[in-house]
mmCIF file of all heavy atoms, coordinates in Angstrom:
data_MODEL
# 
_entry.id   MODEL 
# 
loop_
_atom_site.group_PDB 
_atom_site.id 
_atom_site.type_symbol 
_atom_site.label_atom_id 
_atom_site.label_alt_id 
_atom_site.label_comp_id 
_atom_site.label_asym_id 
_atom_site.label_entity_id 
_atom_site.label_seq_id 
_atom_site.pdbx_PDB_ins_code 
_atom_site.Cartn_x 
_atom_site.Cartn_y 
_atom_site.Cartn_z 
_atom_site.occupancy 
_atom_site.B_iso_or_equiv 
_atom_site.pdbx_formal_charge 
_atom_site.auth_seq_id 
_atom_site.auth_comp_id 
_atom_site.auth_asym_id 
_atom_site.auth_atom_id 
_atom_site.pdbx_PDB_model_num 
ATOM 1   N N   . MET A 1 1  ? 73.935 47.629 -2.933 1.00 0.00 ? 1  MET A N   1 
ATOM 2   C CA  . MET A 1 1  ? 73.509 48.832 -3.621 1.00 0.00 ? 1  MET A CA  1 
ATOM 3   C C   . MET A 1 1  ? 74.633 49.827 -3.569 1.00 0.00 ? 1  MET A C   1 
ATOM 4   O O   . MET A 1 1  ? 75.052 50.368 -2.588 1.00 0.00 ? 1  MET A O   1 
ATOM 5   C CB  . MET A 1 1  ? 72.261 49.462 -2.852 1.00 0.00 ? 1  MET A CB  1 
ATOM 6   C CG  . MET A 1 1  ? 71.005 48.658 -2.910 1.00 0.00 ? 1  MET A CG  1 
ATOM 7   S SD  . MET A 1 1  ? 69.650 49.328 -2.043 1.00 0.00 ? 1  MET A SD  1 
ATOM 8   C CE  . MET A 1 1  ? 69.509 50.869 -2.837 1.00 0.00 ? 1  MET A CE  1 
ATOM 9   N N   . PRO A 1 2  ? 75.261 50.157 -4.775 1.00 0.00 ? 2  PRO A N   1 
ATOM 10  C CA  . PRO A 1 2  ? 76.389 50.965 -4.798 1.00 0.00 ? 2  PRO A CA  1 
ATOM 11  C C   . PRO A 1 2  ? 76.138 52.451 -4.367 1.00 0.00 ? 2  PRO A C   1 
ATOM 12  O O   . PRO A 1 2  ? 77.014 53.125 -3.858 1.00 0.00 ? 2  PRO A O   1 
ATOM 13  C CB  . PRO A 1 2  ? 76.813 50.982 -6.249 1.00 0.00 ? 2  PRO A CB  1 
ATOM 14  C CG  . PRO A 1 2  ? 75.614 50.620 -6.984 1.00 0.00 ? 2  PRO A CG  1 
ATOM 15  C CD  . PRO A 1 2  ? 74.829 49.637 -6.027 1.00 0.00 ? 2  PRO A CD  1 
ATOM 16  N N   . ASP A 1 3  ? 74.840 52.888 -4.524 1.00 0.00 ? 3  ASP A N   1 
ATOM 17  C CA  . ASP A 1 3  ? 74.489 54.269 -4.132 1.00 0.00 ? 3  ASP A CA  1 
ATOM 18  C C   . ASP A 1 3  ? 74.020 54.367 -2.692 1.00 0.00 ? 3  ASP A C   1 
ATOM 19  O O   . ASP A 1 3  ? 73.672 55.469 -2.226 1.00 0.00 ? 3  ASP A O   1 
ATOM 20  C CB  . ASP A 1 3  ? 73.547 54.837 -5.114 1.00 0.00 ? 3  ASP A CB  1 
ATOM 21  C CG  . ASP A 1 3  ? 74.001 54.893 -6.577 1.00 0.00 ? 3  ASP A CG  1 
ATOM 22  O OD1 . ASP A 1 3  ? 75.253 55.265 -6.643 1.00 0.00 ? 3  ASP A OD1 1 
ATOM 23  O OD2 . ASP A 1 3  ? 73.249 54.768 -7.434 1.00 0.00 ? 3  ASP A OD2 1 
ATOM 24  N N   . ALA A 1 4  ? 73.864 53.262 -1.945 1.00 0.00 ? 4  ALA A N   1 
ATOM 25  C CA  . ALA A 1 4  ? 73.302 53.313 -0.616 1.00 0.00 ? 4  ALA A CA  1 
ATOM 26  C C   . ALA A 1 4  ? 74.378 53.981 0.327  1.00 0.00 ? 4  ALA A C   1 
ATOM 27  O O   . ALA A 1 4  ? 75.545 53.848 0.212  1.00 0.00 ? 4  ALA A O   1 
ATOM 28  C CB  . ALA A 1 4  ? 73.087 51.941 -0.179 1.00 0.00 ? 4  ALA A CB  1 
ATOM 29  N N   . PRO A 1 5  ? 73.867 54.879 1.175  1.00 0.00 ? 5  PRO A N   1 
ATOM 30  C CA  . PRO A 1 5  ? 74.736 55.572 2.109  1.00 0.00 ? 5  PRO A CA  1 
ATOM 31  C C   . PRO A 1 5  ? 75.502 54.537 2.981  1.00 0.00 ? 5  PRO A C   1 
ATOM 32  O O   . PRO A 1 5  ? 74.938 53.458 3.409  1.00 0.00 ? 5  PRO A O   1 
ATOM 33  C CB  . PRO A 1 5  ? 73.849 56.478 2.960  1.00 0.00 ? 5  PRO A CB  1 
ATOM 34  C CG  . PRO A 1 5  ? 72.448 55.928 2.857  1.00 0.00 ? 5  PRO A CG  1 
ATOM 35  C CD  . PRO A 1 5  ? 72.448 55.204 1.456  1.00 0.00 ? 5  PRO A CD  1 
ATOM 36  N N   . LEU A 1 6  ? 76.677 54.879 3.380  1.00 0.00 ? 6  LEU A N   1 
ATOM 37  C CA  . LEU A 1 6  ? 77.468 54.048 4.350  1.00 0.00 ? 6  LEU A CA  1 
ATOM 38  C C   . LEU A 1 6  ? 76.767 54.069 5.717  1.00 0.00 ? 6  LEU A C   1 
ATOM 39  O O   . LEU A 1 6  ? 76.586 53.089 6.448  1.00 0.00 ? 6  LEU A O   1 
ATOM 40  C CB  . LEU A 1 6  ? 78.881 54.502 4.464  1.00 0.00 ? 6  LEU A CB  1 
ATOM 41  C CG  . LEU A 1 6  ? 79.753 53.820 5.497  1.00 0.00 ? 6  LEU A CG  1 
ATOM 42  C CD1 . LEU A 1 6  ? 79.946 52.317 5.125  1.00 0.00 ? 6  LEU A CD1 1 
ATOM 43  C CD2 . LEU A 1 6  ? 81.093 54.515 5.595  1.00 0.00 ? 6  LEU A CD2 1 
ATOM 44  N N   . LEU A 1 7  ? 76.416 55.397 6.198  1.00 0.00 ? 7  LEU A N   1 
ATOM 45  C CA  . LEU A 1 7  ? 75.687 55.610 7.490  1.00 0.00 ? 7  LEU A CA  1 
ATOM 46  C C   . LEU A 1 7  ? 74.333 56.191 7.218  1.00 0.00 ? 7  LEU A C   1 
ATOM 47  O O   . LEU A 1 7  ? 74.236 57.149 6.460  1.00 0.00 ? 7  LEU A O   1 
ATOM 48  C CB  . LEU A 1 7  ? 76.629 56.446 8.329  1.00 0.00 ? 7  LEU A CB  1 
ATOM 49  C CG  . LEU A 1 7  ? 75.992 56.832 9.736  1.00 0.00 ? 7  LEU A CG  1 
ATOM 50  C CD1 . LEU A 1 7  ? 75.972 55.606 10.575 1.00 0.00 ? 7  LEU A CD1 1 
ATOM 51  C CD2 . LEU A 1 7  ? 76.793 57.963 10.289 1.00 0.00 ? 7  LEU A CD2 1 
ATOM 52  N N   . SER A 1 8  ? 73.374 55.625 7.853  1.00 0.00 ? 8  SER A N   1 
ATOM 53  C CA  . SER A 1 8  ? 72.009 56.253 7.813  1.00 0.00 ? 8  SER A CA  1 
ATOM 54  C C   . SER A 1 8  ? 71.349 56.188 9.153  1.00 0.00 ? 8  SER A C   1 
ATOM 55  O O   . SER A 1 8  ? 71.195 55.066 9.696  1.00 0.00 ? 8  SER A O   1 
ATOM 56  C CB  . SER A 1 8  ? 71.122 55.480 6.721  1.00 0.00 ? 8  SER A CB  1 
ATOM 57  O OG  . SER A 1 8  ? 69.796 56.061 6.626  1.00 0.00 ? 8  SER A OG  1 
ATOM 58  N N   . VAL A 1 9  ? 71.033 57.378 9.718  1.00 0.00 ? 9  VAL A N   1 
ATOM 59  C CA  . VAL A 1 9  ? 70.426 57.399 11.014 1.00 0.00 ? 9  VAL A CA  1 
ATOM 60  C C   . VAL A 1 9  ? 68.966 57.841 10.729 1.00 0.00 ? 9  VAL A C   1 
ATOM 61  O O   . VAL A 1 9  ? 68.631 58.774 10.135 1.00 0.00 ? 9  VAL A O   1 
ATOM 62  C CB  . VAL A 1 9  ? 71.012 58.516 11.900 1.00 0.00 ? 9  VAL A CB  1 
ATOM 63  C CG1 . VAL A 1 9  ? 70.433 58.670 13.268 1.00 0.00 ? 9  VAL A CG1 1 
ATOM 64  C CG2 . VAL A 1 9  ? 72.570 58.163 12.112 1.00 0.00 ? 9  VAL A CG2 1 
ATOM 65  N N   . GLU A 1 10 ? 68.053 57.055 11.278 1.00 0.00 ? 10 GLU A N   1 
ATOM 66  C CA  . GLU A 1 10 ? 66.595 57.167 11.053 1.00 0.00 ? 10 GLU A CA  1 
ATOM 67  C C   . GLU A 1 10 ? 65.907 57.360 12.301 1.00 0.00 ? 10 GLU A C   1 
ATOM 68  O O   . GLU A 1 10 ? 65.834 56.500 13.140 1.00 0.00 ? 10 GLU A O   1 
ATOM 69  C CB  . GLU A 1 10 ? 66.100 56.001 10.270 1.00 0.00 ? 10 GLU A CB  1 
ATOM 70  C CG  . GLU A 1 10 ? 66.838 55.703 8.865  1.00 0.00 ? 10 GLU A CG  1 
ATOM 71  C CD  . GLU A 1 10 ? 66.360 54.474 8.292  1.00 0.00 ? 10 GLU A CD  1 
ATOM 72  O OE1 . GLU A 1 10 ? 65.543 53.658 8.830  1.00 0.00 ? 10 GLU A OE1 1 
ATOM 73  O OE2 . GLU A 1 10 ? 66.848 54.108 7.167  1.00 0.00 ? 10 GLU A OE2 1 
ATOM 74  N N   . ASP A 1 11 ? 65.284 58.494 12.523 1.00 0.00 ? 11 ASP A N   1 
ATOM 75  C CA  . ASP A 1 11 ? 64.373 58.772 13.583 1.00 0.00 ? 11 ASP A CA  1 
ATOM 76  C C   . ASP A 1 11 ? 64.921 58.428 14.969 1.00 0.00 ? 11 ASP A C   1 
ATOM 77  O O   . ASP A 1 11 ? 64.297 57.860 15.738 1.00 0.00 ? 11 ASP A O   1 
ATOM 78  C CB  . ASP A 1 11 ? 62.990 58.072 13.421 1.00 0.00 ? 11 ASP A CB  1 
ATOM 79  C CG  . ASP A 1 11 ? 61.871 58.671 14.313 1.00 0.00 ? 11 ASP A CG  1 
ATOM 80  O OD1 . ASP A 1 11 ? 62.029 59.795 14.597 1.00 0.00 ? 11 ASP A OD1 1 
ATOM 81  O OD2 . ASP A 1 11 ? 61.008 57.891 14.575 1.00 0.00 ? 11 ASP A OD2 1 
ATOM 82  N N   . LEU A 1 12 ? 66.186 58.678 15.161 1.00 0.00 ? 12 LEU A N   1 
ATOM 83  C CA  . LEU A 1 12 ? 66.987 58.295 16.440 1.00 0.00 ? 12 LEU A CA  1 
ATOM 84  C C   . LEU A 1 12 ? 66.426 59.257 17.569 1.00 0.00 ? 12 LEU A C   1 
ATOM 85  O O   . LEU A 1 12 ? 66.477 60.387 17.532 1.00 0.00 ? 12 LEU A O   1 
ATOM 86  C CB  . LEU A 1 12 ? 68.431 58.555 16.282 1.00 0.00 ? 12 LEU A CB  1 
ATOM 87  C CG  . LEU A 1 12 ? 69.236 58.196 17.514 1.00 0.00 ? 12 LEU A CG  1 
ATOM 88  C CD1 . LEU A 1 12 ? 69.134 56.632 17.884 1.00 0.00 ? 12 LEU A CD1 1 
ATOM 89  C CD2 . LEU A 1 12 ? 70.760 58.615 17.230 1.00 0.00 ? 12 LEU A CD2 1 
ATOM 90  N N   . THR A 1 13 ? 66.045 58.526 18.659 1.00 0.00 ? 13 THR A N   1 
ATOM 91  C CA  . THR A 1 13 ? 65.437 59.252 19.774 1.00 0.00 ? 13 THR A CA  1 
ATOM 92  C C   . THR A 1 13 ? 66.112 58.640 21.045 1.00 0.00 ? 13 THR A C   1 
ATOM 93  O O   . THR A 1 13 ? 66.057 57.456 21.275 1.00 0.00 ? 13 THR A O   1 
ATOM 94  C CB  . THR A 1 13 ? 63.972 59.133 19.896 1.00 0.00 ? 13 THR A CB  1 
ATOM 95  O OG1 . THR A 1 13 ? 63.325 59.574 18.728 1.00 0.00 ? 13 THR A OG1 1 
ATOM 96  C CG2 . THR A 1 13 ? 63.389 59.957 21.087 1.00 0.00 ? 13 THR A CG2 1 
ATOM 97  N N   . ILE A 1 14 ? 66.722 59.492 21.877 1.00 0.00 ? 14 ILE A N   1 
ATOM 98  C CA  . ILE A 1 14 ? 67.414 59.003 23.097 1.00 0.00 ? 14 ILE A CA  1 
ATOM 99  C C   . ILE A 1 14 ? 66.962 59.972 24.281 1.00 0.00 ? 14 ILE A C   1 
ATOM 100 O O   . ILE A 1 14 ? 66.845 61.152 24.257 1.00 0.00 ? 14 ILE A O   1 
ATOM 101 C CB  . ILE A 1 14 ? 68.970 59.188 22.882 1.00 0.00 ? 14 ILE A CB  1 
ATOM 102 C CG1 . ILE A 1 14 ? 69.408 58.318 21.661 1.00 0.00 ? 14 ILE A CG1 1 
ATOM 103 C CG2 . ILE A 1 14 ? 69.718 58.708 24.122 1.00 0.00 ? 14 ILE A CG2 1 
ATOM 104 C CD1 . ILE A 1 14 ? 70.878 58.515 21.359 1.00 0.00 ? 14 ILE A CD1 1 
ATOM 105 N N   . ALA A 1 15 ? 66.708 59.238 25.412 1.00 0.00 ? 15 ALA A N   1 
ATOM 106 C CA  . ALA A 1 15 ? 66.223 60.040 26.544 1.00 0.00 ? 15 ALA A CA  1 
ATOM 107 C C   . ALA A 1 15 ? 67.252 59.650 27.637 1.00 0.00 ? 15 ALA A C   1 
ATOM 108 O O   . ALA A 1 15 ? 67.925 58.584 27.663 1.00 0.00 ? 15 ALA A O   1 
ATOM 109 C CB  . ALA A 1 15 ? 64.815 59.591 26.976 1.00 0.00 ? 15 ALA A CB  1 
ATOM 110 N N   . PHE A 1 16 ? 67.208 60.517 28.780 1.00 0.00 ? 16 PHE A N   1 
ATOM 111 C CA  . PHE A 1 16 ? 68.041 60.184 29.999 1.00 0.00 ? 16 PHE A CA  1 
ATOM 112 C C   . PHE A 1 16 ? 67.090 60.354 31.187 1.00 0.00 ? 16 PHE A C   1 
ATOM 113 O O   . PHE A 1 16 ? 66.116 61.187 31.159 1.00 0.00 ? 16 PHE A O   1 
ATOM 114 C CB  . PHE A 1 16 ? 69.166 61.257 30.036 1.00 0.00 ? 16 PHE A CB  1 
ATOM 115 C CG  . PHE A 1 16 ? 70.346 60.955 29.118 1.00 0.00 ? 16 PHE A CG  1 
ATOM 116 C CD1 . PHE A 1 16 ? 70.256 61.485 27.852 1.00 0.00 ? 16 PHE A CD1 1 
ATOM 117 C CD2 . PHE A 1 16 ? 71.334 60.153 29.399 1.00 0.00 ? 16 PHE A CD2 1 
ATOM 118 C CE1 . PHE A 1 16 ? 71.295 61.324 26.906 1.00 0.00 ? 16 PHE A CE1 1 
ATOM 119 C CE2 . PHE A 1 16 ? 72.355 59.908 28.492 1.00 0.00 ? 16 PHE A CE2 1 
ATOM 120 C CZ  . PHE A 1 16 ? 72.321 60.525 27.316 1.00 0.00 ? 16 PHE A CZ  1 
ATOM 121 N N   . GLY A 1 17 ? 67.452 59.624 32.237 1.00 0.00 ? 17 GLY A N   1 
ATOM 122 C CA  . GLY A 1 17 ? 66.565 59.640 33.359 1.00 0.00 ? 17 GLY A CA  1 
ATOM 123 C C   . GLY A 1 17 ? 65.523 58.678 33.362 1.00 0.00 ? 17 GLY A C   1 
ATOM 124 O O   . GLY A 1 17 ? 65.326 57.873 32.542 1.00 0.00 ? 17 GLY A O   1 
ATOM 125 N N   . ALA A 1 18 ? 64.683 58.779 34.468 1.00 0.00 ? 18 ALA A N   1 
ATOM 126 C CA  . ALA A 1 18 ? 63.584 57.784 34.580 1.00 0.00 ? 18 ALA A CA  1 
ATOM 127 C C   . ALA A 1 18 ? 62.386 58.509 35.246 1.00 0.00 ? 18 ALA A C   1 
ATOM 128 O O   . ALA A 1 18 ? 62.533 59.497 35.946 1.00 0.00 ? 18 ALA A O   1 
ATOM 129 C CB  . ALA A 1 18 ? 63.917 56.570 35.430 1.00 0.00 ? 18 ALA A CB  1 
ATOM 130 N N   . GLY A 1 19 ? 61.153 57.975 34.992 1.00 0.00 ? 19 GLY A N   1 
ATOM 131 C CA  . GLY A 1 19 ? 59.986 58.575 35.614 1.00 0.00 ? 19 GLY A CA  1 
ATOM 132 C C   . GLY A 1 19 ? 59.739 60.067 35.278 1.00 0.00 ? 19 GLY A C   1 
ATOM 133 O O   . GLY A 1 19 ? 60.074 60.404 34.071 1.00 0.00 ? 19 GLY A O   1 
ATOM 134 N N   . PRO A 1 20 ? 59.228 60.810 36.178 1.00 0.00 ? 20 PRO A N   1 
ATOM 135 C CA  . PRO A 1 20 ? 58.994 62.245 35.857 1.00 0.00 ? 20 PRO A CA  1 
ATOM 136 C C   . PRO A 1 20 ? 60.190 63.079 35.464 1.00 0.00 ? 20 PRO A C   1 
ATOM 137 O O   . PRO A 1 20 ? 60.022 64.078 34.800 1.00 0.00 ? 20 PRO A O   1 
ATOM 138 C CB  . PRO A 1 20 ? 58.334 62.757 37.195 1.00 0.00 ? 20 PRO A CB  1 
ATOM 139 C CG  . PRO A 1 20 ? 57.909 61.544 37.942 1.00 0.00 ? 20 PRO A CG  1 
ATOM 140 C CD  . PRO A 1 20 ? 58.921 60.473 37.565 1.00 0.00 ? 20 PRO A CD  1 
ATOM 141 N N   . SER A 1 21 ? 61.363 62.607 35.829 1.00 0.00 ? 21 SER A N   1 
ATOM 142 C CA  . SER A 1 21 ? 62.676 63.330 35.530 1.00 0.00 ? 21 SER A CA  1 
ATOM 143 C C   . SER A 1 21 ? 63.230 62.986 34.130 1.00 0.00 ? 21 SER A C   1 
ATOM 144 O O   . SER A 1 21 ? 64.203 63.603 33.811 1.00 0.00 ? 21 SER A O   1 
ATOM 145 C CB  . SER A 1 21 ? 63.671 63.186 36.556 1.00 0.00 ? 21 SER A CB  1 
ATOM 146 O OG  . SER A 1 21 ? 64.049 61.859 36.667 1.00 0.00 ? 21 SER A OG  1 
ATOM 147 N N   . ARG A 1 22 ? 62.508 62.160 33.423 1.00 0.00 ? 22 ARG A N   1 
ATOM 148 C CA  . ARG A 1 22 ? 63.062 61.665 32.157 1.00 0.00 ? 22 ARG A CA  1 
ATOM 149 C C   . ARG A 1 22 ? 62.962 62.873 31.147 1.00 0.00 ? 22 ARG A C   1 
ATOM 150 O O   . ARG A 1 22 ? 62.046 63.588 31.130 1.00 0.00 ? 22 ARG A O   1 
ATOM 151 C CB  . ARG A 1 22 ? 62.344 60.465 31.554 1.00 0.00 ? 22 ARG A CB  1 
ATOM 152 C CG  . ARG A 1 22 ? 62.801 60.097 30.188 1.00 0.00 ? 22 ARG A CG  1 
ATOM 153 C CD  . ARG A 1 22 ? 62.105 58.860 29.680 1.00 0.00 ? 22 ARG A CD  1 
ATOM 154 N NE  . ARG A 1 22 ? 62.623 57.662 30.224 1.00 0.00 ? 22 ARG A NE  1 
ATOM 155 C CZ  . ARG A 1 22 ? 62.514 56.382 29.945 1.00 0.00 ? 22 ARG A CZ  1 
ATOM 156 N NH1 . ARG A 1 22 ? 61.646 56.210 28.708 1.00 0.00 ? 22 ARG A NH1 1 
ATOM 157 N NH2 . ARG A 1 22 ? 62.984 55.336 30.431 1.00 0.00 ? 22 ARG A NH2 1 
ATOM 158 N N   . PHE A 1 23 ? 64.035 63.051 30.317 1.00 0.00 ? 23 PHE A N   1 
ATOM 159 C CA  . PHE A 1 23 ? 63.926 64.075 29.286 1.00 0.00 ? 23 PHE A CA  1 
ATOM 160 C C   . PHE A 1 23 ? 64.547 63.519 28.018 1.00 0.00 ? 23 PHE A C   1 
ATOM 161 O O   . PHE A 1 23 ? 65.489 62.628 28.018 1.00 0.00 ? 23 PHE A O   1 
ATOM 162 C CB  . PHE A 1 23 ? 64.661 65.336 29.710 1.00 0.00 ? 23 PHE A CB  1 
ATOM 163 C CG  . PHE A 1 23 ? 66.132 65.183 30.012 1.00 0.00 ? 23 PHE A CG  1 
ATOM 164 C CD1 . PHE A 1 23 ? 67.049 65.388 28.962 1.00 0.00 ? 23 PHE A CD1 1 
ATOM 165 C CD2 . PHE A 1 23 ? 66.608 64.920 31.282 1.00 0.00 ? 23 PHE A CD2 1 
ATOM 166 C CE1 . PHE A 1 23 ? 68.400 65.263 29.194 1.00 0.00 ? 23 PHE A CE1 1 
ATOM 167 C CE2 . PHE A 1 23 ? 68.030 64.754 31.504 1.00 0.00 ? 23 PHE A CE2 1 
ATOM 168 C CZ  . PHE A 1 23 ? 68.864 64.990 30.491 1.00 0.00 ? 23 PHE A CZ  1 
ATOM 169 N N   . VAL A 1 24 ? 64.289 64.016 26.911 1.00 0.00 ? 24 VAL A N   1 
ATOM 170 C CA  . VAL A 1 24 ? 64.654 63.591 25.625 1.00 0.00 ? 24 VAL A CA  1 
ATOM 171 C C   . VAL A 1 24 ? 65.776 64.483 25.141 1.00 0.00 ? 24 VAL A C   1 
ATOM 172 O O   . VAL A 1 24 ? 65.686 65.744 25.121 1.00 0.00 ? 24 VAL A O   1 
ATOM 173 C CB  . VAL A 1 24 ? 63.496 63.582 24.496 1.00 0.00 ? 24 VAL A CB  1 
ATOM 174 C CG1 . VAL A 1 24 ? 63.986 63.325 23.156 1.00 0.00 ? 24 VAL A CG1 1 
ATOM 175 C CG2 . VAL A 1 24 ? 62.453 62.692 24.884 1.00 0.00 ? 24 VAL A CG2 1 
ATOM 176 N N   . ALA A 1 25 ? 66.890 63.911 24.939 1.00 0.00 ? 25 ALA A N   1 
ATOM 177 C CA  . ALA A 1 25 ? 68.156 64.629 24.570 1.00 0.00 ? 25 ALA A CA  1 
ATOM 178 C C   . ALA A 1 25 ? 68.393 64.746 23.022 1.00 0.00 ? 25 ALA A C   1 
ATOM 179 O O   . ALA A 1 25 ? 68.903 65.571 22.490 1.00 0.00 ? 25 ALA A O   1 
ATOM 180 C CB  . ALA A 1 25 ? 69.356 64.163 25.246 1.00 0.00 ? 25 ALA A CB  1 
ATOM 181 N N   . VAL A 1 26 ? 67.964 63.578 22.319 1.00 0.00 ? 26 VAL A N   1 
ATOM 182 C CA  . VAL A 1 26 ? 67.990 63.565 20.822 1.00 0.00 ? 26 VAL A CA  1 
ATOM 183 C C   . VAL A 1 26 ? 66.546 63.080 20.383 1.00 0.00 ? 26 VAL A C   1 
ATOM 184 O O   . VAL A 1 26 ? 66.079 61.996 20.834 1.00 0.00 ? 26 VAL A O   1 
ATOM 185 C CB  . VAL A 1 26 ? 69.088 62.444 20.438 1.00 0.00 ? 26 VAL A CB  1 
ATOM 186 C CG1 . VAL A 1 26 ? 69.056 62.268 19.004 1.00 0.00 ? 26 VAL A CG1 1 
ATOM 187 C CG2 . VAL A 1 26 ? 70.469 62.878 20.943 1.00 0.00 ? 26 VAL A CG2 1 
ATOM 188 N N   . ASP A 1 27 ? 65.998 63.910 19.593 1.00 0.00 ? 27 ASP A N   1 
ATOM 189 C CA  . ASP A 1 27 ? 64.626 63.853 19.249 1.00 0.00 ? 27 ASP A CA  1 
ATOM 190 C C   . ASP A 1 27 ? 64.348 63.590 17.803 1.00 0.00 ? 27 ASP A C   1 
ATOM 191 O O   . ASP A 1 27 ? 64.247 64.538 16.976 1.00 0.00 ? 27 ASP A O   1 
ATOM 192 C CB  . ASP A 1 27 ? 63.908 65.041 19.757 1.00 0.00 ? 27 ASP A CB  1 
ATOM 193 C CG  . ASP A 1 27 ? 62.433 64.912 19.727 1.00 0.00 ? 27 ASP A CG  1 
ATOM 194 O OD1 . ASP A 1 27 ? 61.833 63.877 19.426 1.00 0.00 ? 27 ASP A OD1 1 
ATOM 195 O OD2 . ASP A 1 27 ? 61.680 65.902 20.161 1.00 0.00 ? 27 ASP A OD2 1 
ATOM 196 N N   . GLY A 1 28 ? 64.256 62.456 17.363 1.00 0.00 ? 28 GLY A N   1 
ATOM 197 C CA  . GLY A 1 28 ? 63.955 62.013 15.941 1.00 0.00 ? 28 GLY A CA  1 
ATOM 198 C C   . GLY A 1 28 ? 64.950 62.520 14.914 1.00 0.00 ? 28 GLY A C   1 
ATOM 199 O O   . GLY A 1 28 ? 64.595 62.997 13.908 1.00 0.00 ? 28 GLY A O   1 
# 
């Protein structure tokens, strides 16, 4: 597809830690 983006980030979610101390640093 010539018009398709080279890079596409979709709903990226990243957390750090574990258990009760886990927090989301990148949210969708």
